[in-house]
């Protein structure tokens, strides 16, 4: 992805909360398929998003461009300078879609102060990870990974328990990581409001960008809109990357902690023996 493509994506992130419902459909599509901006016409983008051509044109203007052509000219200029850029339609396989989404995530990390975020995950007195529905397994996996690096990593919601009593325990020494991919429960917006004044990282898909102004940190994982069922390759890659970065940051402390866990596995005889 080129610098201009990244700049175009950043404009979407910055304006997403002000976009109309139809404009957000266009934003979601072009964030997951950034090369389509150059490959497809306004009419083709509109057809793919099931909106009108006028809606697509308004979307580009809302981002500060005169029209679709200005975006294309910007991207083609980067191509002439030698930056790699897809200029023809690829075969849209699941593998290609996953790789494109993962690439988007890592380009996003390059644009932000990822090291500062890693330090916060490593240094916070307590890390609490919250996830509902399909985001719950992601939250649980992230917790298990971080528990190999440090102490005081918690998961919410606890099955059969409400979350209100947990929220009052958070303070400025905590880091709350909220994962909300795709179909989020109705409580989600109210939960964001409750966490607004805390140190909160939101990991979400394109549609969750509407909460950008209410959280300290935002990471967006593009999700495919074409397959019947979503692939979670991008968020899982992100969680693996962050976990390993935290492990590297904590260095000797993380190594000692994980070694103690391994000793406990052996003492409790919890795992299958090595062959």
C-alpha atoms as a PDB file:
ATOM      1  CA  UNK A   1       0.000   0.000   0.000  1.00  0.00           C
ATOM      2  CA  UNK A   2       1.418   3.432  -0.878  1.00  0.00           C
ATOM      3  CA  UNK A   3       1.873   6.483   1.316  1.00  0.00           C
ATOM      4  CA  UNK A   4      -1.068   8.100  -0.451  1.00  0.00           C
ATOM      5  CA  UNK A   5      -3.202   5.031   0.056  1.00  0.00           C
ATOM      6  CA  UNK A   6      -2.340   5.228   3.756  1.00  0.00           C
ATOM      7  CA  UNK A   7      -3.207   8.942   3.767  1.00  0.00           C
ATOM      8  CA  UNK A   8      -6.523   8.173   2.086  1.00  0.00           C
ATOM      9  CA  UNK A   9      -7.264   5.519   4.696  1.00  0.00           C
ATOM     10  CA  UNK A  10      -6.346   7.942   7.480  1.00  0.00           C
ATOM     11  CA  UNK A  11      -8.853  10.470   6.128  1.00  0.00           C
ATOM     12  CA  UNK A  12     -11.538   7.780   6.389  1.00  0.00           C
ATOM     13  CA  UNK A  13     -10.609   7.068  10.014  1.00  0.00           C
ATOM     14  CA  UNK A  14     -10.671  10.780  10.898  1.00  0.00           C
ATOM     15  CA  UNK A  15     -14.051  11.446   9.252  1.00  0.00           C
ATOM     16  CA  UNK A  16     -15.799   8.138   9.891  1.00  0.00           C
ATOM     17  CA  UNK A  17     -17.903   9.271  12.861  1.00  0.00           C
ATOM     18  CA  UNK A  18     -19.349  12.119  10.766  1.00  0.00           C
ATOM     19  CA  UNK A  19     -20.220   9.966   7.756  1.00  0.00           C
ATOM     20  CA  UNK A  20     -23.776   8.978   6.876  1.00  0.00           C
ATOM     21  CA  UNK A  21     -24.854   5.331   6.952  1.00  0.00           C
ATOM     22  CA  UNK A  22     -24.431   5.017   3.156  1.00  0.00           C
ATOM     23  CA  UNK A  23     -21.053   6.748   3.232  1.00  0.00           C
ATOM     24  CA  UNK A  24     -19.910   4.304   5.905  1.00  0.00           C
ATOM     25  CA  UNK A  25     -20.750   1.422   3.575  1.00  0.00           C
ATOM     26  CA  UNK A  26     -18.417   2.969   1.007  1.00  0.00           C
ATOM     27  CA  UNK A  27     -15.765   3.597   3.671  1.00  0.00           C
ATOM     28  CA  UNK A  28     -15.940  -0.007   4.896  1.00  0.00           C
ATOM     29  CA  UNK A  29     -15.590  -1.337   1.367  1.00  0.00           C
ATOM     30  CA  UNK A  30     -12.651   0.879   0.390  1.00  0.00           C
ATOM     31  CA  UNK A  31     -10.811   0.322   3.652  1.00  0.00           C
ATOM     32  CA  UNK A  32     -10.904  -3.413   3.137  1.00  0.00           C
ATOM     33  CA  UNK A  33     -10.189  -3.080  -0.604  1.00  0.00           C
ATOM     34  CA  UNK A  34      -8.040   0.093  -0.925  1.00  0.00           C
ATOM     35  CA  UNK A  35      -6.911  -0.810  -4.446  1.00  0.00           C
ATOM     36  CA  UNK A  36     -10.522  -0.656  -5.669  1.00  0.00           C
ATOM     37  CA  UNK A  37     -10.321   3.141  -5.433  1.00  0.00           C
ATOM     38  CA  UNK A  38      -8.099   3.109  -8.493  1.00  0.00           C
ATOM     39  CA  UNK A  39      -9.353  -0.012 -10.236  1.00  0.00           C
ATOM     40  CA  UNK A  40     -13.101   0.643 -10.131  1.00  0.00           C
ATOM     41  CA  UNK A  41     -15.213   3.507 -11.377  1.00  0.00           C
ATOM     42  CA  UNK A  42     -17.596   5.471  -9.181  1.00  0.00           C
ATOM     43  CA  UNK A  43     -20.468   3.427 -10.603  1.00  0.00           C
ATOM     44  CA  UNK A  44     -18.699   0.136  -9.850  1.00  0.00           C
ATOM     45  CA  UNK A  45     -17.946   1.201  -6.287  1.00  0.00           C
ATOM     46  CA  UNK A  46     -21.581   2.230  -5.872  1.00  0.00           C
ATOM     47  CA  UNK A  47     -22.767  -1.124  -7.201  1.00  0.00           C
ATOM     48  CA  UNK A  48     -20.422  -3.060  -4.887  1.00  0.00           C
ATOM     49  CA  UNK A  49     -21.697  -1.071  -1.888  1.00  0.00           C
ATOM     50  CA  UNK A  50     -25.366  -1.086  -2.977  1.00  0.00           C
ATOM     51  CA  UNK A  51     -25.576   2.720  -2.871  1.00  0.00           C
ATOM     52  CA  UNK A  52     -26.047   5.394  -5.525  1.00  0.00           C
ATOM     53  CA  UNK A  53     -23.270   7.061  -7.517  1.00  0.00           C
ATOM     54  CA  UNK A  54     -24.240  10.316  -5.805  1.00  0.00           C
ATOM     55  CA  UNK A  55     -23.585   8.729  -2.407  1.00  0.00           C
ATOM     56  CA  UNK A  56     -20.097   7.690  -3.514  1.00  0.00           C
ATOM     57  CA  UNK A  57     -19.370  11.175  -4.854  1.00  0.00           C
ATOM     58  CA  UNK A  58     -20.541  12.762  -1.596  1.00  0.00           C
ATOM     59  CA  UNK A  59     -18.319  10.348   0.311  1.00  0.00           C
ATOM     60  CA  UNK A  60     -15.179  11.570  -1.485  1.00  0.00           C
ATOM     61  CA  UNK A  61     -16.168  15.205  -0.939  1.00  0.00           C
ATOM     62  CA  UNK A  62     -16.713  14.550   2.776  1.00  0.00           C
ATOM     63  CA  UNK A  63     -13.114  13.354   2.966  1.00  0.00           C
ATOM     64  CA  UNK A  64     -11.903  16.634   1.484  1.00  0.00           C
ATOM     65  CA  UNK A  65     -11.395  15.531  -2.133  1.00  0.00           C
ATOM     66  CA  UNK A  66     -13.000  17.294  -5.070  1.00  0.00           C
ATOM     67  CA  UNK A  67     -14.071  13.989  -6.580  1.00  0.00           C
ATOM     68  CA  UNK A  68     -13.071  10.380  -7.203  1.00  0.00           C
ATOM     69  CA  UNK A  69     -10.693  11.460  -9.955  1.00  0.00           C
ATOM     70  CA  UNK A  70      -8.579  13.482  -7.519  1.00  0.00           C
ATOM     71  CA  UNK A  71      -8.038  10.376  -5.371  1.00  0.00           C
ATOM     72  CA  UNK A  72      -7.051   8.355  -8.446  1.00  0.00           C
ATOM     73  CA  UNK A  73      -4.639  11.081  -9.603  1.00  0.00           C
ATOM     74  CA  UNK A  74      -3.012  11.087  -6.167  1.00  0.00           C
ATOM     75  CA  UNK A  75      -2.520   7.323  -6.230  1.00  0.00           C
ATOM     76  CA  UNK A  76      -1.271   7.242  -9.840  1.00  0.00           C
ATOM     77  CA  UNK A  77       1.308   9.903  -9.004  1.00  0.00           C
ATOM     78  CA  UNK A  78       2.671   7.635  -6.290  1.00  0.00           C
ATOM     79  CA  UNK A  79       2.821   4.764  -8.813  1.00  0.00           C
ATOM     80  CA  UNK A  80       4.874   6.923 -11.196  1.00  0.00           C
ATOM     81  CA  UNK A  81       7.332   7.617  -8.373  1.00  0.00           C
ATOM     82  CA  UNK A  82       7.950   3.884  -8.089  1.00  0.00           C
ATOM     83  CA  UNK A  83       5.654   2.903  -5.237  1.00  0.00           C
ATOM     84  CA  UNK A  84       4.023  -0.552  -5.703  1.00  0.00           C
ATOM     85  CA  UNK A  85       0.334  -0.216  -6.492  1.00  0.00           C
ATOM     86  CA  UNK A  86      -2.155  -2.676  -7.901  1.00  0.00           C
ATOM     87  CA  UNK A  87      -3.579  -1.322 -11.154  1.00  0.00           C
ATOM     88  CA  UNK A  88      -5.609  -4.288 -12.386  1.00  0.00           C
ATOM     89  CA  UNK A  89      -8.277  -6.465 -10.819  1.00  0.00           C
ATOM     90  CA  UNK A  90      -6.791  -9.474  -8.952  1.00  0.00           C
ATOM     91  CA  UNK A  91      -8.497 -12.801  -8.363  1.00  0.00           C
ATOM     92  CA  UNK A  92     -10.456 -12.105  -5.181  1.00  0.00           C
ATOM     93  CA  UNK A  93      -9.681 -15.321  -3.302  1.00  0.00           C
ATOM     94  CA  UNK A  94     -10.090 -15.740   0.447  1.00  0.00           C
ATOM     95  CA  UNK A  95      -6.323 -15.946   0.796  1.00  0.00           C
ATOM     96  CA  UNK A  96      -5.819 -12.656  -1.030  1.00  0.00           C
ATOM     97  CA  UNK A  97      -8.520 -11.027   1.087  1.00  0.00           C
ATOM     98  CA  UNK A  98      -6.906 -12.192   4.339  1.00  0.00           C
ATOM     99  CA  UNK A  99      -3.455 -11.035   3.269  1.00  0.00           C
ATOM    100  CA  UNK A 100      -4.832  -7.643   2.244  1.00  0.00           C
ATOM    101  CA  UNK A 101      -6.571  -7.221   5.607  1.00  0.00           C
ATOM    102  CA  UNK A 102      -3.446  -8.199   7.560  1.00  0.00           C
ATOM    103  CA  UNK A 103      -1.384  -5.801   5.451  1.00  0.00           C
ATOM    104  CA  UNK A 104      -3.836  -3.031   6.309  1.00  0.00           C
ATOM    105  CA  UNK A 105      -3.431  -3.726  10.022  1.00  0.00           C
ATOM    106  CA  UNK A 106       0.364  -3.588   9.932  1.00  0.00           C
ATOM    107  CA  UNK A 107       0.389  -0.418   7.815  1.00  0.00           C
ATOM    108  CA  UNK A 108      -1.840   1.107  10.472  1.00  0.00           C
ATOM    109  CA  UNK A 109       0.633   0.118  13.189  1.00  0.00           C
ATOM    110  CA  UNK A 110       3.425   1.786  11.218  1.00  0.00           C
ATOM    111  CA  UNK A 111       1.501   5.065  11.251  1.00  0.00           C
ATOM    112  CA  UNK A 112       0.941   5.171  14.996  1.00  0.00           C
ATOM    113  CA  UNK A 113       3.188   5.146  18.065  1.00  0.00           C
ATOM    114  CA  UNK A 114       2.931   1.397  18.541  1.00  0.00           C
ATOM    115  CA  UNK A 115       5.851   1.278  20.980  1.00  0.00           C
ATOM    116  CA  UNK A 116       4.031   3.632  23.364  1.00  0.00           C
ATOM    117  CA  UNK A 117       0.962   1.395  23.270  1.00  0.00           C
ATOM    118  CA  UNK A 118       3.094  -1.691  23.923  1.00  0.00           C
ATOM    119  CA  UNK A 119       4.669   0.053  26.918  1.00  0.00           C
ATOM    120  CA  UNK A 120       1.234   0.826  28.326  1.00  0.00           C
ATOM    121  CA  UNK A 121       0.146  -2.807  27.968  1.00  0.00           C
ATOM    122  CA  UNK A 122       3.327  -3.874  29.719  1.00  0.00           C
ATOM    123  CA  UNK A 123       3.360  -1.244  32.474  1.00  0.00           C
ATOM    124  CA  UNK A 124      -0.309  -0.879  33.448  1.00  0.00           C
ATOM    125  CA  UNK A 125      -0.997  -2.044  36.981  1.00  0.00           C
ATOM    126  CA  UNK A 126      -3.886  -4.131  35.659  1.00  0.00           C
ATOM    127  CA  UNK A 127      -5.021  -4.985  32.131  1.00  0.00           C
ATOM    128  CA  UNK A 128      -8.689  -5.852  31.639  1.00  0.00           C
ATOM    129  CA  UNK A 129      -9.858  -7.221  28.290  1.00  0.00           C
ATOM    130  CA  UNK A 130     -13.555  -7.031  27.424  1.00  0.00           C
ATOM    131  CA  UNK A 131     -15.277  -8.843  24.564  1.00  0.00           C
ATOM    132  CA  UNK A 132     -18.824  -9.936  23.718  1.00  0.00           C
ATOM    133  CA  UNK A 133     -20.201 -12.446  21.209  1.00  0.00           C
ATOM    134  CA  UNK A 134     -17.576 -13.300  18.535  1.00  0.00           C
ATOM    135  CA  UNK A 135     -15.165 -10.896  20.202  1.00  0.00           C
ATOM    136  CA  UNK A 136     -15.183 -12.929  23.412  1.00  0.00           C
ATOM    137  CA  UNK A 137     -12.905 -15.707  22.039  1.00  0.00           C
ATOM    138  CA  UNK A 138     -10.540 -12.979  20.777  1.00  0.00           C
ATOM    139  CA  UNK A 139     -10.505 -11.367  24.222  1.00  0.00           C
ATOM    140  CA  UNK A 140      -9.948 -14.723  25.901  1.00  0.00           C
ATOM    141  CA  UNK A 141      -7.080 -15.592  23.546  1.00  0.00           C
ATOM    142  CA  UNK A 142      -5.447 -12.185  24.046  1.00  0.00           C
ATOM    143  CA  UNK A 143      -5.668 -12.620  27.805  1.00  0.00           C
ATOM    144  CA  UNK A 144      -4.041 -16.047  27.604  1.00  0.00           C
ATOM    145  CA  UNK A 145      -1.192 -14.622  25.539  1.00  0.00           C
ATOM    146  CA  UNK A 146      -0.582 -11.647  27.819  1.00  0.00           C
ATOM    147  CA  UNK A 147      -0.705 -13.894  30.880  1.00  0.00           C
ATOM    148  CA  UNK A 148       2.464 -15.503  29.542  1.00  0.00           C
ATOM    149  CA  UNK A 149       4.158 -12.093  29.828  1.00  0.00           C
ATOM    150  CA  UNK A 150       2.812 -10.403  32.950  1.00  0.00           C
ATOM    151  CA  UNK A 151       0.510 -10.584  35.975  1.00  0.00           C
ATOM    152  CA  UNK A 152      -2.870  -8.955  36.548  1.00  0.00           C
ATOM    153  CA  UNK A 153      -4.548  -9.635  33.204  1.00  0.00           C
ATOM    154  CA  UNK A 154      -8.313 -10.035  33.521  1.00  0.00           C
ATOM    155  CA  UNK A 155     -11.192 -11.010  31.220  1.00  0.00           C
ATOM    156  CA  UNK A 156     -14.741  -9.623  31.178  1.00  0.00           C
ATOM    157  CA  UNK A 157     -17.590 -10.376  31.186  1.00  0.00           C
ATOM    158  CA  UNK A 158     -17.437 -13.299  33.575  1.00  0.00           C
ATOM    159  CA  UNK A 159     -20.145 -15.824  32.552  1.00  0.00           C
ATOM    160  CA  UNK A 160     -23.343 -15.298  34.529  1.00  0.00           C
ATOM    161  CA  UNK A 161     -22.216 -11.972  35.993  1.00  0.00           C
ATOM    162  CA  UNK A 162     -23.132  -8.372  35.120  1.00  0.00           C
ATOM    163  CA  UNK A 163     -20.347  -5.931  34.352  1.00  0.00           C
ATOM    164  CA  UNK A 164     -21.426  -2.830  36.273  1.00  0.00           C
ATOM    165  CA  UNK A 165     -19.691  -3.771  39.521  1.00  0.00           C
ATOM    166  CA  UNK A 166     -16.422  -4.328  37.647  1.00  0.00           C
ATOM    167  CA  UNK A 167     -16.341  -0.884  36.041  1.00  0.00           C
ATOM    168  CA  UNK A 168     -16.191   0.975  39.367  1.00  0.00           C
ATOM    169  CA  UNK A 169     -12.846  -0.692  40.137  1.00  0.00           C
ATOM    170  CA  UNK A 170     -11.012   0.889  37.188  1.00  0.00           C
ATOM    171  CA  UNK A 171      -8.750   3.908  37.738  1.00  0.00           C
ATOM    172  CA  UNK A 172      -5.909   5.741  35.988  1.00  0.00           C
ATOM    173  CA  UNK A 173      -3.467   2.894  36.629  1.00  0.00           C
ATOM    174  CA  UNK A 174      -5.584   0.463  34.578  1.00  0.00           C
ATOM    175  CA  UNK A 175      -5.587  -0.259  30.874  1.00  0.00           C
ATOM    176  CA  UNK A 176      -8.898  -1.462  29.451  1.00  0.00           C
ATOM    177  CA  UNK A 177      -8.805  -3.255  26.100  1.00  0.00           C
ATOM    178  CA  UNK A 178     -12.248  -3.433  24.510  1.00  0.00           C
ATOM    179  CA  UNK A 179     -12.711  -5.719  21.505  1.00  0.00           C
ATOM    180  CA  UNK A 180     -15.800  -5.137  19.382  1.00  0.00           C
ATOM    181  CA  UNK A 181     -15.769  -6.873  16.002  1.00  0.00           C
ATOM    182  CA  UNK A 182     -18.900  -6.904  13.858  1.00  0.00           C
ATOM    183  CA  UNK A 183     -22.240  -7.511  15.624  1.00  0.00           C
ATOM    184  CA  UNK A 184     -21.798  -5.694  18.907  1.00  0.00           C
ATOM    185  CA  UNK A 185     -24.401  -5.928  21.709  1.00  0.00           C
ATOM    186  CA  UNK A 186     -26.646  -2.960  22.536  1.00  0.00           C
ATOM    187  CA  UNK A 187     -24.654  -2.352  25.718  1.00  0.00           C
ATOM    188  CA  UNK A 188     -21.568  -1.476  23.679  1.00  0.00           C
ATOM    189  CA  UNK A 189     -22.218   2.254  23.185  1.00  0.00           C
ATOM    190  CA  UNK A 190     -23.073   2.718  26.870  1.00  0.00           C
ATOM    191  CA  UNK A 191     -19.935   0.785  27.805  1.00  0.00           C
ATOM    192  CA  UNK A 192     -17.817   3.078  25.628  1.00  0.00           C
ATOM    193  CA  UNK A 193     -19.318   6.079  27.435  1.00  0.00           C
ATOM    194  CA  UNK A 194     -18.402   4.562  30.815  1.00  0.00           C
ATOM    195  CA  UNK A 195     -14.817   3.981  29.688  1.00  0.00           C
ATOM    196  CA  UNK A 196     -14.376   7.359  27.985  1.00  0.00           C
ATOM    197  CA  UNK A 197     -12.306   8.909  30.773  1.00  0.00           C
ATOM    198  CA  UNK A 198     -10.111   5.847  31.288  1.00  0.00           C
ATOM    199  CA  UNK A 199      -7.092   4.602  29.369  1.00  0.00           C
ATOM    200  CA  UNK A 200      -8.902   2.444  26.809  1.00  0.00           C
ATOM    201  CA  UNK A 201      -7.782   0.672  23.650  1.00  0.00           C
ATOM    202  CA  UNK A 202     -10.594  -0.226  21.249  1.00  0.00           C
ATOM    203  CA  UNK A 203      -9.919  -3.005  18.736  1.00  0.00           C
ATOM    204  CA  UNK A 204     -12.725  -3.050  16.194  1.00  0.00           C
ATOM    205  CA  UNK A 205     -13.715  -3.420  12.550  1.00  0.00           C
ATOM    206  CA  UNK A 206     -14.461  -0.558  10.182  1.00  0.00           C
ATOM    207  CA  UNK A 207     -17.901   0.161  11.660  1.00  0.00           C
ATOM    208  CA  UNK A 208     -16.446   0.744  15.138  1.00  0.00           C
ATOM    209  CA  UNK A 209     -14.534   3.807  13.962  1.00  0.00           C
ATOM    210  CA  UNK A 210     -17.530   5.895  15.021  1.00  0.00           C
ATOM    211  CA  UNK A 211     -16.186   5.604  18.599  1.00  0.00           C
ATOM    212  CA  UNK A 212     -12.771   7.047  17.734  1.00  0.00           C
ATOM    213  CA  UNK A 213     -13.271  10.304  19.678  1.00  0.00           C
ATOM    214  CA  UNK A 214     -14.251   8.442  22.855  1.00  0.00           C
ATOM    215  CA  UNK A 215     -11.225   6.178  23.316  1.00  0.00           C
ATOM    216  CA  UNK A 216      -7.549   6.878  23.892  1.00  0.00           C
ATOM    217  CA  UNK A 217      -6.372   4.306  21.351  1.00  0.00           C
ATOM    218  CA  UNK A 218      -8.057   2.777  18.287  1.00  0.00           C
ATOM    219  CA  UNK A 219      -6.949  -0.137  16.114  1.00  0.00           C
ATOM    220  CA  UNK A 220      -9.082  -1.089  13.111  1.00  0.00           C
ATOM    221  CA  UNK A 221      -9.099  -4.607  11.661  1.00  0.00           C
ATOM    222  CA  UNK A 222     -10.677  -4.631   8.176  1.00  0.00           C
ATOM    223  CA  UNK A 223     -13.217  -7.421   7.832  1.00  0.00           C
ATOM    224  CA  UNK A 224     -14.239  -8.962   4.501  1.00  0.00           C
ATOM    225  CA  UNK A 225     -17.740  -8.212   3.233  1.00  0.00           C
ATOM    226  CA  UNK A 226     -17.777 -10.873   0.500  1.00  0.00           C
ATOM    227  CA  UNK A 227     -17.553 -14.313   2.075  1.00  0.00           C
ATOM    228  CA  UNK A 228     -20.609 -15.743   3.847  1.00  0.00           C
ATOM    229  CA  UNK A 229     -18.653 -15.957   7.128  1.00  0.00           C
ATOM    230  CA  UNK A 230     -16.010 -13.522   8.308  1.00  0.00           C
ATOM    231  CA  UNK A 231     -12.346 -14.427   8.572  1.00  0.00           C
ATOM    232  CA  UNK A 232     -10.700 -13.336  11.818  1.00  0.00           C
ATOM    233  CA  UNK A 233      -7.181 -13.618  10.399  1.00  0.00           C
ATOM    234  CA  UNK A 234      -6.544  -9.864  10.744  1.00  0.00           C
ATOM    235  CA  UNK A 235      -7.537  -9.416  14.418  1.00  0.00           C
ATOM    236  CA  UNK A 236      -5.775 -12.647  15.402  1.00  0.00           C
ATOM    237  CA  UNK A 237      -2.597 -11.473  13.641  1.00  0.00           C
ATOM    238  CA  UNK A 238      -2.863  -8.150  15.463  1.00  0.00           C
ATOM    239  CA  UNK A 239      -3.235  -9.828  18.857  1.00  0.00           C
ATOM    240  CA  UNK A 240      -0.265 -12.108  18.171  1.00  0.00           C
ATOM    241  CA  UNK A 241       1.845  -9.119  17.145  1.00  0.00           C
ATOM    242  CA  UNK A 242       0.957  -7.071  20.230  1.00  0.00           C
ATOM    243  CA  UNK A 243       1.513 -10.024  22.569  1.00  0.00           C
ATOM    244  CA  UNK A 244       4.981 -10.687  21.181  1.00  0.00           C
ATOM    245  CA  UNK A 245       5.858  -7.001  21.311  1.00  0.00           C
ATOM    246  CA  UNK A 246       4.842  -6.885  24.979  1.00  0.00           C
ATOM    247  CA  UNK A 247       6.908 -10.013  25.674  1.00  0.00           C
ATOM    248  CA  UNK A 248       9.949  -8.410  24.007  1.00  0.00           C
ATOM    249  CA  UNK A 249       9.399  -5.154  25.874  1.00  0.00           C
ATOM    250  CA  UNK A 250       9.199  -6.838  29.294  1.00  0.00           C
ATOM    251  CA  UNK A 251      12.253  -8.943  28.360  1.00  0.00           C
ATOM    252  CA  UNK A 252      13.739 -10.675  31.452  1.00  0.00           C
ATOM    253  CA  UNK A 253      10.561 -10.093  33.479  1.00  0.00           C
ATOM    254  CA  UNK A 254       8.416 -11.808  30.849  1.00  0.00           C
ATOM    255  CA  UNK A 255      10.883 -14.680  30.482  1.00  0.00           C
ATOM    256  CA  UNK A 256      10.923 -15.273  34.236  1.00  0.00           C
ATOM    257  CA  UNK A 257       7.132 -15.093  34.404  1.00  0.00           C
ATOM    258  CA  UNK A 258       6.592 -17.567  31.535  1.00  0.00           C
ATOM    259  CA  UNK A 259       9.218 -19.898  33.026  1.00  0.00           C
ATOM    260  CA  UNK A 260       7.305 -19.959  36.311  1.00  0.00           C
ATOM    261  CA  UNK A 261       4.121 -20.826  34.417  1.00  0.00           C
ATOM    262  CA  UNK A 262       5.896 -23.713  32.670  1.00  0.00           C
ATOM    263  CA  UNK A 263       7.066 -25.002  36.041  1.00  0.00           C
ATOM    264  CA  UNK A 264       3.481 -24.909  37.306  1.00  0.00           C
ATOM    265  CA  UNK A 265       2.335 -26.910  34.278  1.00  0.00           C
ATOM    266  CA  UNK A 266       4.831 -29.609  35.206  1.00  0.00           C
ATOM    267  CA  UNK A 267       4.045 -29.570  38.931  1.00  0.00           C
ATOM    268  CA  UNK A 268       0.310 -29.887  38.261  1.00  0.00           C
ATOM    269  CA  UNK A 269       0.819 -32.364  35.388  1.00  0.00           C
ATOM    270  CA  UNK A 270      -1.603 -30.337  33.231  1.00  0.00           C
ATOM    271  CA  UNK A 271      -0.161 -30.852  29.763  1.00  0.00           C
ATOM    272  CA  UNK A 272       0.642 -33.806  27.558  1.00  0.00           C
ATOM    273  CA  UNK A 273       4.289 -34.881  27.772  1.00  0.00           C
ATOM    274  CA  UNK A 274       6.651 -33.969  24.945  1.00  0.00           C
ATOM    275  CA  UNK A 275       7.240 -36.796  22.473  1.00  0.00           C
END
